[in-house]
Amino acid sequence: MKGGEGHRIFHVGAHTAESLKAGKKNHGIFTGQKSPLELVDEAWTKRGAPEPNDPAAYVVPMGRTIGDGGQKSVRIIVKPGTTEVISAYPY
């Protein structure tokens, strides 16, 4: 895959396996019945305004636990000035 989509899958995928957590501090792992990409898609439809101090970042409350550390939000990072997702992870 080219462009941001390939990066999106790689970066979101890095938050799906416990083995990838090794060596990373505060590296959340997606949990739940939906796939991580389904969770990100759901979060994207629920997003509001970007974070005030970072117009390329959105924190989206999901109303349920979506991360292995009890996280209930998804943080989505986009390419500045676009809707192209760079990464997303439990927050």
PDB file of N, CA and C in Angstrom:
ATOM      1  N   MET A   1       0.828  -1.179   0.000  1.00  0.00           N
ATOM      2  CA  MET A   1       0.000   0.000   0.000  1.00  0.00           C
ATOM      3  C   MET A   1       0.868   1.236   0.000  1.00  0.00           C
ATOM      4  N   LYS A   2       0.360   2.269  -0.581  1.00  0.00           N
ATOM      5  CA  LYS A   2       1.098   3.517  -0.660  1.00  0.00           C
ATOM      6  C   LYS A   2       0.545   4.522   0.332  1.00  0.00           C
ATOM      7  N   GLY A   3       1.339   5.561   0.550  1.00  0.00           N
ATOM      8  CA  GLY A   3       0.876   6.716   1.303  1.00  0.00           C
ATOM      9  C   GLY A   3       0.481   6.396   2.727  1.00  0.00           C
ATOM     10  N   GLY A   4      -0.431   7.215   3.244  1.00  0.00           N
ATOM     11  CA  GLY A   4      -0.856   7.117   4.632  1.00  0.00           C
ATOM     12  C   GLY A   4      -1.567   5.838   4.978  1.00  0.00           C
ATOM     13  N   GLU A   5      -2.239   5.220   4.006  1.00  0.00           N
ATOM     14  CA  GLU A   5      -2.984   4.009   4.339  1.00  0.00           C
ATOM     15  C   GLU A   5      -2.050   2.915   4.816  1.00  0.00           C
ATOM     16  N   GLY A   6      -0.932   2.741   4.153  1.00  0.00           N
ATOM     17  CA  GLY A   6       0.033   1.739   4.590  1.00  0.00           C
ATOM     18  C   GLY A   6       0.564   2.054   5.970  1.00  0.00           C
ATOM     19  N   HIS A   7       0.854   3.320   6.219  1.00  0.00           N
ATOM     20  CA  HIS A   7       1.317   3.732   7.535  1.00  0.00           C
ATOM     21  C   HIS A   7       0.224   3.517   8.575  1.00  0.00           C
ATOM     22  N   ARG A   8      -1.003   3.812   8.212  1.00  0.00           N
ATOM     23  CA  ARG A   8      -2.120   3.647   9.149  1.00  0.00           C
ATOM     24  C   ARG A   8      -2.206   2.208   9.610  1.00  0.00           C
ATOM     25  N   ILE A   9      -2.175   1.304   8.676  1.00  0.00           N
ATOM     26  CA  ILE A   9      -2.294  -0.111   9.027  1.00  0.00           C
ATOM     27  C   ILE A   9      -1.101  -0.541   9.874  1.00  0.00           C
ATOM     28  N   PHE A  10       0.101  -0.113   9.511  1.00  0.00           N
ATOM     29  CA  PHE A  10       1.290  -0.479  10.282  1.00  0.00           C
ATOM     30  C   PHE A  10       1.212   0.079  11.693  1.00  0.00           C
ATOM     31  N   HIS A  11       0.919   1.371  11.812  1.00  0.00           N
ATOM     32  CA  HIS A  11       0.910   1.992  13.132  1.00  0.00           C
ATOM     33  C   HIS A  11      -0.225   1.484  14.011  1.00  0.00           C
ATOM     34  N   VAL A  12      -1.409   1.353  13.458  1.00  0.00           N
ATOM     35  CA  VAL A  12      -2.521   0.814  14.244  1.00  0.00           C
ATOM     36  C   VAL A  12      -2.235  -0.646  14.591  1.00  0.00           C
ATOM     37  N   GLY A  13      -1.679  -1.385  13.646  1.00  0.00           N
ATOM     38  CA  GLY A  13      -1.334  -2.786  13.883  1.00  0.00           C
ATOM     39  C   GLY A  13      -0.317  -2.968  14.991  1.00  0.00           C
ATOM     40  N   ALA A  14       0.522  -1.974  15.188  1.00  0.00           N
ATOM     41  CA  ALA A  14       1.525  -2.051  16.257  1.00  0.00           C
ATOM     42  C   ALA A  14       0.875  -2.005  17.635  1.00  0.00           C
ATOM     43  N   HIS A  15      -0.404  -1.687  17.685  1.00  0.00           N
ATOM     44  CA  HIS A  15      -1.129  -1.624  18.961  1.00  0.00           C
ATOM     45  C   HIS A  15      -2.095  -2.805  19.102  1.00  0.00           C
ATOM     46  N   THR A  16      -1.726  -3.939  18.479  1.00  0.00           N
ATOM     47  CA  THR A  16      -2.604  -5.095  18.534  1.00  0.00           C
ATOM     48  C   THR A  16      -1.957  -6.331  19.137  1.00  0.00           C
ATOM     49  N   ALA A  17      -0.666  -6.348  19.297  1.00  0.00           N
ATOM     50  CA  ALA A  17      -0.010  -7.568  19.769  1.00  0.00           C
ATOM     51  C   ALA A  17       0.859  -7.280  20.984  1.00  0.00           C
ATOM     52  N   GLU A  18       0.693  -8.057  22.007  1.00  0.00           N
ATOM     53  CA  GLU A  18       1.466  -7.889  23.233  1.00  0.00           C
ATOM     54  C   GLU A  18       2.959  -7.982  22.961  1.00  0.00           C
ATOM     55  N   SER A  19       3.372  -8.814  22.017  1.00  0.00           N
ATOM     56  CA  SER A  19       4.801  -8.972  21.743  1.00  0.00           C
ATOM     57  C   SER A  19       5.428  -7.670  21.261  1.00  0.00           C
ATOM     58  N   LEU A  20       4.654  -6.811  20.636  1.00  0.00           N
ATOM     59  CA  LEU A  20       5.179  -5.537  20.151  1.00  0.00           C
ATOM     60  C   LEU A  20       5.283  -4.503  21.262  1.00  0.00           C
ATOM     61  N   LYS A  21       4.714  -4.829  22.411  1.00  0.00           N
ATOM     62  CA  LYS A  21       4.725  -3.897  23.537  1.00  0.00           C
ATOM     63  C   LYS A  21       6.096  -3.831  24.205  1.00  0.00           C
ATOM     64  N   ALA A  22       6.873  -4.889  24.051  1.00  0.00           N
ATOM     65  CA  ALA A  22       8.166  -4.956  24.716  1.00  0.00           C
ATOM     66  C   ALA A  22       9.029  -3.752  24.352  1.00  0.00           C
ATOM     67  N   GLY A  23       9.603  -3.141  25.369  1.00  0.00           N
ATOM     68  CA  GLY A  23      10.503  -2.033  25.143  1.00  0.00           C
ATOM     69  C   GLY A  23       9.831  -0.685  24.947  1.00  0.00           C
ATOM     70  N   LYS A  24       8.515  -0.636  24.924  1.00  0.00           N
ATOM     71  CA  LYS A  24       7.810   0.633  24.753  1.00  0.00           C
ATOM     72  C   LYS A  24       7.046   0.951  26.023  1.00  0.00           C
ATOM     73  N   LYS A  25       7.296   2.143  26.554  1.00  0.00           N
ATOM     74  CA  LYS A  25       6.602   2.583  27.756  1.00  0.00           C
ATOM     75  C   LYS A  25       5.232   3.124  27.357  1.00  0.00           C
ATOM     76  N   ASN A  26       4.207   2.770  28.097  1.00  0.00           N
ATOM     77  CA  ASN A  26       2.848   3.263  27.848  1.00  0.00           C
ATOM     78  C   ASN A  26       2.352   2.952  26.437  1.00  0.00           C
ATOM     79  N   HIS A  27       2.623   1.759  25.967  1.00  0.00           N
ATOM     80  CA  HIS A  27       2.197   1.334  24.631  1.00  0.00           C
ATOM     81  C   HIS A  27       0.887   0.563  24.764  1.00  0.00           C
ATOM     82  N   GLY A  28      -0.239   1.222  24.510  1.00  0.00           N
ATOM     83  CA  GLY A  28      -1.540   0.591  24.670  1.00  0.00           C
ATOM     84  C   GLY A  28      -1.842  -0.420  23.590  1.00  0.00           C
ATOM     85  N   ILE A  29      -2.525  -1.459  23.974  1.00  0.00           N
ATOM     86  CA  ILE A  29      -2.936  -2.519  23.057  1.00  0.00           C
ATOM     87  C   ILE A  29      -4.455  -2.497  22.972  1.00  0.00           C
ATOM     88  N   PHE A  30      -5.000  -2.472  21.755  1.00  0.00           N
ATOM     89  CA  PHE A  30      -6.446  -2.515  21.572  1.00  0.00           C
ATOM     90  C   PHE A  30      -6.994  -3.851  22.044  1.00  0.00           C
ATOM     91  N   THR A  31      -8.151  -3.795  22.719  1.00  0.00           N
ATOM     92  CA  THR A  31      -8.843  -5.008  23.140  1.00  0.00           C
ATOM     93  C   THR A  31     -10.313  -4.868  22.744  1.00  0.00           C
ATOM     94  N   GLY A  32     -11.042  -5.924  22.842  1.00  0.00           N
ATOM     95  CA  GLY A  32     -12.474  -5.860  22.565  1.00  0.00           C
ATOM     96  C   GLY A  32     -12.872  -6.756  21.409  1.00  0.00           C
ATOM     97  N   GLN A  33     -14.142  -6.691  21.080  1.00  0.00           N
ATOM     98  CA  GLN A  33     -14.677  -7.575  20.057  1.00  0.00           C
ATOM     99  C   GLN A  33     -14.474  -7.058  18.644  1.00  0.00           C
ATOM    100  N   LYS A  34     -14.272  -5.760  18.492  1.00  0.00           N
ATOM    101  CA  LYS A  34     -14.037  -5.203  17.166  1.00  0.00           C
ATOM    102  C   LYS A  34     -12.545  -5.228  16.852  1.00  0.00           C
ATOM    103  N   SER A  35     -12.223  -5.282  15.566  1.00  0.00           N
ATOM    104  CA  SER A  35     -10.821  -5.202  15.179  1.00  0.00           C
ATOM    105  C   SER A  35     -10.341  -3.770  15.420  1.00  0.00           C
ATOM    106  N   PRO A  36      -9.041  -3.570  15.579  1.00  0.00           N
ATOM    107  CA  PRO A  36      -8.536  -2.217  15.777  1.00  0.00           C
ATOM    108  C   PRO A  36      -8.938  -1.254  14.657  1.00  0.00           C
ATOM    109  N   LEU A  37      -8.918  -1.695  13.428  1.00  0.00           N
ATOM    110  CA  LEU A  37      -9.312  -0.805  12.333  1.00  0.00           C
ATOM    111  C   LEU A  37     -10.795  -0.450  12.414  1.00  0.00           C
ATOM    112  N   GLU A  38     -11.633  -1.392  12.837  1.00  0.00           N
ATOM    113  CA  GLU A  38     -13.054  -1.080  13.034  1.00  0.00           C
ATOM    114  C   GLU A  38     -13.234  -0.053  14.154  1.00  0.00           C
ATOM    115  N   LEU A  39     -12.444  -0.192  15.234  1.00  0.00           N
ATOM    116  CA  LEU A  39     -12.511   0.771  16.334  1.00  0.00           C
ATOM    117  C   LEU A  39     -12.083   2.160  15.873  1.00  0.00           C
ATOM    118  N   VAL A  40     -11.027   2.227  15.083  1.00  0.00           N
ATOM    119  CA  VAL A  40     -10.555   3.519  14.585  1.00  0.00           C
ATOM    120  C   VAL A  40     -11.597   4.138  13.660  1.00  0.00           C
ATOM    121  N   ASP A  41     -12.187   3.327  12.797  1.00  0.00           N
ATOM    122  CA  ASP A  41     -13.238   3.838  11.912  1.00  0.00           C
ATOM    123  C   ASP A  41     -14.422   4.361  12.723  1.00  0.00           C
ATOM    124  N   GLU A  42     -14.812   3.620  13.767  1.00  0.00           N
ATOM    125  CA  GLU A  42     -15.908   4.061  14.626  1.00  0.00           C
ATOM    126  C   GLU A  42     -15.540   5.377  15.326  1.00  0.00           C
ATOM    127  N   ALA A  43     -14.319   5.443  15.846  1.00  0.00           N
ATOM    128  CA  ALA A  43     -13.867   6.657  16.526  1.00  0.00           C
ATOM    129  C   ALA A  43     -13.853   7.837  15.562  1.00  0.00           C
ATOM    130  N   TRP A  44     -13.430   7.604  14.340  1.00  0.00           N
ATOM    131  CA  TRP A  44     -13.364   8.687  13.364  1.00  0.00           C
ATOM    132  C   TRP A  44     -14.745   9.290  13.120  1.00  0.00           C
ATOM    133  N   THR A  45     -15.779   8.454  13.096  1.00  0.00           N
ATOM    134  CA  THR A  45     -17.137   8.973  12.872  1.00  0.00           C
ATOM    135  C   THR A  45     -17.652   9.742  14.084  1.00  0.00           C
ATOM    136  N   LYS A  46     -17.084   9.483  15.274  1.00  0.00           N
ATOM    137  CA  LYS A  46     -17.518  10.137  16.515  1.00  0.00           C
ATOM    138  C   LYS A  46     -16.659  11.348  16.885  1.00  0.00           C
ATOM    139  N   ARG A  47     -15.604  11.591  16.137  1.00  0.00           N
ATOM    140  CA  ARG A  47     -14.653  12.625  16.540  1.00  0.00           C
ATOM    141  C   ARG A  47     -15.298  14.005  16.578  1.00  0.00           C
ATOM    142  N   GLY A  48     -14.755  14.831  17.419  1.00  0.00           N
ATOM    143  CA  GLY A  48     -15.158  16.234  17.482  1.00  0.00           C
ATOM    144  C   GLY A  48     -14.018  17.082  16.957  1.00  0.00           C
ATOM    145  N   ALA A  49     -13.767  18.165  17.653  1.00  0.00           N
ATOM    146  CA  ALA A  49     -12.677  19.058  17.278  1.00  0.00           C
ATOM    147  C   ALA A  49     -11.335  18.428  17.668  1.00  0.00           C
ATOM    148  N   PRO A  50     -10.277  18.794  16.956  1.00  0.00           N
ATOM    149  CA  PRO A  50      -8.956  18.299  17.351  1.00  0.00           C
ATOM    150  C   PRO A  50      -8.537  18.889  18.685  1.00  0.00           C
ATOM    151  N   GLU A  51      -7.485  18.344  19.265  1.00  0.00           N
ATOM    152  CA  GLU A  51      -6.966  18.856  20.522  1.00  0.00           C
ATOM    153  C   GLU A  51      -6.533  20.312  20.327  1.00  0.00           C
ATOM    154  N   PRO A  52      -6.817  21.168  21.295  1.00  0.00           N
ATOM    155  CA  PRO A  52      -6.500  22.590  21.147  1.00  0.00           C
ATOM    156  C   PRO A  52      -5.019  22.875  20.880  1.00  0.00           C
ATOM    157  N   ASN A  53      -4.142  22.097  21.470  1.00  0.00           N
ATOM    158  CA  ASN A  53      -2.707  22.319  21.302  1.00  0.00           C
ATOM    159  C   ASN A  53      -2.095  21.494  20.177  1.00  0.00           C
ATOM    160  N   ASP A  54      -2.911  20.697  19.484  1.00  0.00           N
ATOM    161  CA  ASP A  54      -2.403  19.859  18.383  1.00  0.00           C
ATOM    162  C   ASP A  54      -3.519  19.623  17.373  1.00  0.00           C
ATOM    163  N   PRO A  55      -3.592  20.434  16.319  1.00  0.00           N
ATOM    164  CA  PRO A  55      -4.678  20.304  15.347  1.00  0.00           C
ATOM    165  C   PRO A  55      -4.625  19.026  14.514  1.00  0.00           C
ATOM    166  N   ALA A  56      -3.586  18.204  14.707  1.00  0.00           N
ATOM    167  CA  ALA A  56      -3.494  16.941  13.987  1.00  0.00           C
ATOM    168  C   ALA A  56      -3.861  15.748  14.881  1.00  0.00           C
ATOM    169  N   ALA A  57      -4.351  16.011  16.088  1.00  0.00           N
ATOM    170  CA  ALA A  57      -4.660  14.935  17.036  1.00  0.00           C
ATOM    171  C   ALA A  57      -6.091  15.058  17.543  1.00  0.00           C
ATOM    172  N   TYR A  58      -6.766  13.920  17.581  1.00  0.00           N
ATOM    173  CA  TYR A  58      -8.132  13.838  18.089  1.00  0.00           C
ATOM    174  C   TYR A  58      -8.170  12.795  19.192  1.00  0.00           C
ATOM    175  N   VAL A  59      -8.801  13.115  20.305  1.00  0.00           N
ATOM    176  CA  VAL A  59      -9.048  12.135  21.359  1.00  0.00           C
ATOM    177  C   VAL A  59     -10.552  11.906  21.370  1.00  0.00           C
ATOM    178  N   VAL A  60     -10.939  10.637  21.136  1.00  0.00           N
ATOM    179  CA  VAL A  60     -12.346  10.312  20.972  1.00  0.00           C
ATOM    180  C   VAL A  60     -12.786   9.351  22.067  1.00  0.00           C
ATOM    181  N   PRO A  61     -13.625   9.785  23.016  1.00  0.00           N
ATOM    182  CA  PRO A  61     -14.160   8.886  24.042  1.00  0.00           C
ATOM    183  C   PRO A  61     -15.063   7.838  23.377  1.00  0.00           C
ATOM    184  N   MET A  62     -14.858   6.586  23.755  1.00  0.00           N
ATOM    185  CA  MET A  62     -15.624   5.496  23.139  1.00  0.00           C
ATOM    186  C   MET A  62     -16.739   4.973  24.038  1.00  0.00           C
ATOM    187  N   GLY A  63     -16.750   5.349  25.310  1.00  0.00           N
ATOM    188  CA  GLY A  63     -17.814   4.922  26.202  1.00  0.00           C
ATOM    189  C   GLY A  63     -17.691   3.488  26.678  1.00  0.00           C
ATOM    190  N   ARG A  64     -16.538   2.899  26.424  1.00  0.00           N
ATOM    191  CA  ARG A  64     -16.273   1.523  26.877  1.00  0.00           C
ATOM    192  C   ARG A  64     -14.762   1.310  26.858  1.00  0.00           C
ATOM    193  N   THR A  65     -14.310   0.255  27.508  1.00  0.00           N
ATOM    194  CA  THR A  65     -12.884  -0.049  27.530  1.00  0.00           C
ATOM    195  C   THR A  65     -12.464  -0.565  26.163  1.00  0.00           C
ATOM    196  N   ILE A  66     -11.408   0.047  25.613  1.00  0.00           N
ATOM    197  CA  ILE A  66     -10.913  -0.380  24.297  1.00  0.00           C
ATOM    198  C   ILE A  66      -9.419  -0.699  24.338  1.00  0.00           C
ATOM    199  N   GLY A  67      -8.787  -0.535  25.520  1.00  0.00           N
ATOM    200  CA  GLY A  67      -7.360  -0.810  25.631  1.00  0.00           C
ATOM    201  C   GLY A  67      -7.033  -1.702  26.801  1.00  0.00           C
ATOM    202  N   ASP A  68      -5.902  -2.363  26.711  1.00  0.00           N
ATOM    203  CA  ASP A  68      -5.500  -3.314  27.744  1.00  0.00           C
ATOM    204  C   ASP A  68      -5.182  -2.662  29.080  1.00  0.00           C
ATOM    205  N   GLY A  69      -4.984  -1.356  29.092  1.00  0.00           N
ATOM    206  CA  GLY A  69      -4.717  -0.642  30.334  1.00  0.00           C
ATOM    207  C   GLY A  69      -5.952   0.057  30.868  1.00  0.00           C
ATOM    208  N   GLY A  70      -7.122  -0.322  30.336  1.00  0.00           N
ATOM    209  CA  GLY A  70      -8.366   0.280  30.772  1.00  0.00           C
ATOM    210  C   GLY A  70      -8.733   1.558  30.019  1.00  0.00           C
ATOM    211  N   GLN A  71      -7.984   1.888  28.972  1.00  0.00           N
ATOM    212  CA  GLN A  71      -8.261   3.091  28.197  1.00  0.00           C
ATOM    213  C   GLN A  71      -9.658   3.027  27.592  1.00  0.00           C
ATOM    214  N   LYS A  72     -10.315   4.185  27.581  1.00  0.00           N
ATOM    215  CA  LYS A  72     -11.681   4.260  27.056  1.00  0.00           C
ATOM    216  C   LYS A  72     -11.803   5.251  25.914  1.00  0.00           C
ATOM    217  N   SER A  73     -10.663   5.727  25.418  1.00  0.00           N
ATOM    218  CA  SER A  73     -10.646   6.653  24.290  1.00  0.00           C
ATOM    219  C   SER A  73      -9.654   6.164  23.245  1.00  0.00           C
ATOM    220  N   VAL A  74      -9.809   6.682  22.043  1.00  0.00           N
ATOM    221  CA  VAL A  74      -8.867   6.429  20.965  1.00  0.00           C
ATOM    222  C   VAL A  74      -8.232   7.770  20.620  1.00  0.00           C
ATOM    223  N   ARG A  75      -6.924   7.797  20.513  1.00  0.00           N
ATOM    224  CA  ARG A  75      -6.235   9.002  20.037  1.00  0.00           C
ATOM    225  C   ARG A  75      -5.865   8.745  18.590  1.00  0.00           C
ATOM    226  N   ILE A  76      -6.320   9.633  17.713  1.00  0.00           N
ATOM    227  CA  ILE A  76      -6.071   9.521  16.283  1.00  0.00           C
ATOM    228  C   ILE A  76      -5.164  10.673  15.876  1.00  0.00           C
ATOM    229  N   ILE A  77      -4.096  10.342  15.172  1.00  0.00           N
ATOM    230  CA  ILE A  77      -3.161  11.334  14.662  1.00  0.00           C
ATOM    231  C   ILE A  77      -3.303  11.360  13.146  1.00  0.00           C
ATOM    232  N   VAL A  78      -3.503  12.554  12.596  1.00  0.00           N
ATOM    233  CA  VAL A  78      -3.647  12.698  11.141  1.00  0.00           C
ATOM    234  C   VAL A  78      -2.496  13.530  10.593  1.00  0.00           C
ATOM    235  N   LYS A  79      -2.298  13.410   9.297  1.00  0.00           N
ATOM    236  CA  LYS A  79      -1.342  14.263   8.612  1.00  0.00           C
ATOM    237  C   LYS A  79      -1.888  15.689   8.702  1.00  0.00           C
ATOM    238  N   PRO A  80      -1.104  16.635   9.208  1.00  0.00           N
ATOM    239  CA  PRO A  80      -1.603  18.003   9.405  1.00  0.00           C
ATOM    240  C   PRO A  80      -2.283  18.580   8.161  1.00  0.00           C
ATOM    241  N   GLY A  81      -3.464  19.145   8.386  1.00  0.00           N
ATOM    242  CA  GLY A  81      -4.221  19.772   7.309  1.00  0.00           C
ATOM    243  C   GLY A  81      -5.002  18.812   6.441  1.00  0.00           C
ATOM    244  N   THR A  82      -5.027  17.520   6.829  1.00  0.00           N
ATOM    245  CA  THR A  82      -5.750  16.509   6.040  1.00  0.00           C
ATOM    246  C   THR A  82      -6.584  15.636   6.971  1.00  0.00           C
ATOM    247  N   THR A  83      -7.269  14.673   6.386  1.00  0.00           N
ATOM    248  CA  THR A  83      -7.944  13.637   7.168  1.00  0.00           C
ATOM    249  C   THR A  83      -7.226  12.301   7.029  1.00  0.00           C
ATOM    250  N   GLU A  84      -5.994  12.323   6.561  1.00  0.00           N
ATOM    251  CA  GLU A  84      -5.200  11.123   6.364  1.00  0.00           C
ATOM    252  C   GLU A  84      -4.649  10.635   7.698  1.00  0.00           C
ATOM    253  N   VAL A  85      -5.108   9.479   8.146  1.00  0.00           N
ATOM    254  CA  VAL A  85      -4.701   8.926   9.441  1.00  0.00           C
ATOM    255  C   VAL A  85      -3.270   8.422   9.367  1.00  0.00           C
ATOM    256  N   ILE A  86      -2.474   8.865  10.334  1.00  0.00           N
ATOM    257  CA  ILE A  86      -1.091   8.387  10.453  1.00  0.00           C
ATOM    258  C   ILE A  86      -1.029   7.259  11.473  1.00  0.00           C
ATOM    259  N   SER A  87      -1.702   7.438  12.609  1.00  0.00           N
ATOM    260  CA  SER A  87      -1.699   6.428  13.655  1.00  0.00           C
ATOM    261  C   SER A  87      -2.912   6.599  14.546  1.00  0.00           C
ATOM    262  N   ALA A  88      -3.189   5.585  15.329  1.00  0.00           N
ATOM    263  CA  ALA A  88      -4.266   5.616  16.317  1.00  0.00           C
ATOM    264  C   ALA A  88      -3.942   4.581  17.373  1.00  0.00           C
ATOM    265  N   TYR A  89      -4.333   4.898  18.612  1.00  0.00           N
ATOM    266  CA  TYR A  89      -4.024   3.974  19.696  1.00  0.00           C
ATOM    267  C   TYR A  89      -4.940   4.236  20.887  1.00  0.00           C
ATOM    268  N   PRO A  90      -5.054   3.228  21.777  1.00  0.00           N
ATOM    269  CA  PRO A  90      -5.862   3.424  22.989  1.00  0.00           C
ATOM    270  C   PRO A  90      -5.284   4.559  23.810  1.00  0.00           C
ATOM    271  N   TYR A  91      -6.168   5.356  24.409  1.00  0.00           N
ATOM    272  CA  TYR A  91      -5.707   6.537  25.127  1.00  0.00           C
ATOM    273  C   TYR A  91      -6.511   6.723  26.396  1.00  0.00           C
TER     274      TYR A  91
END
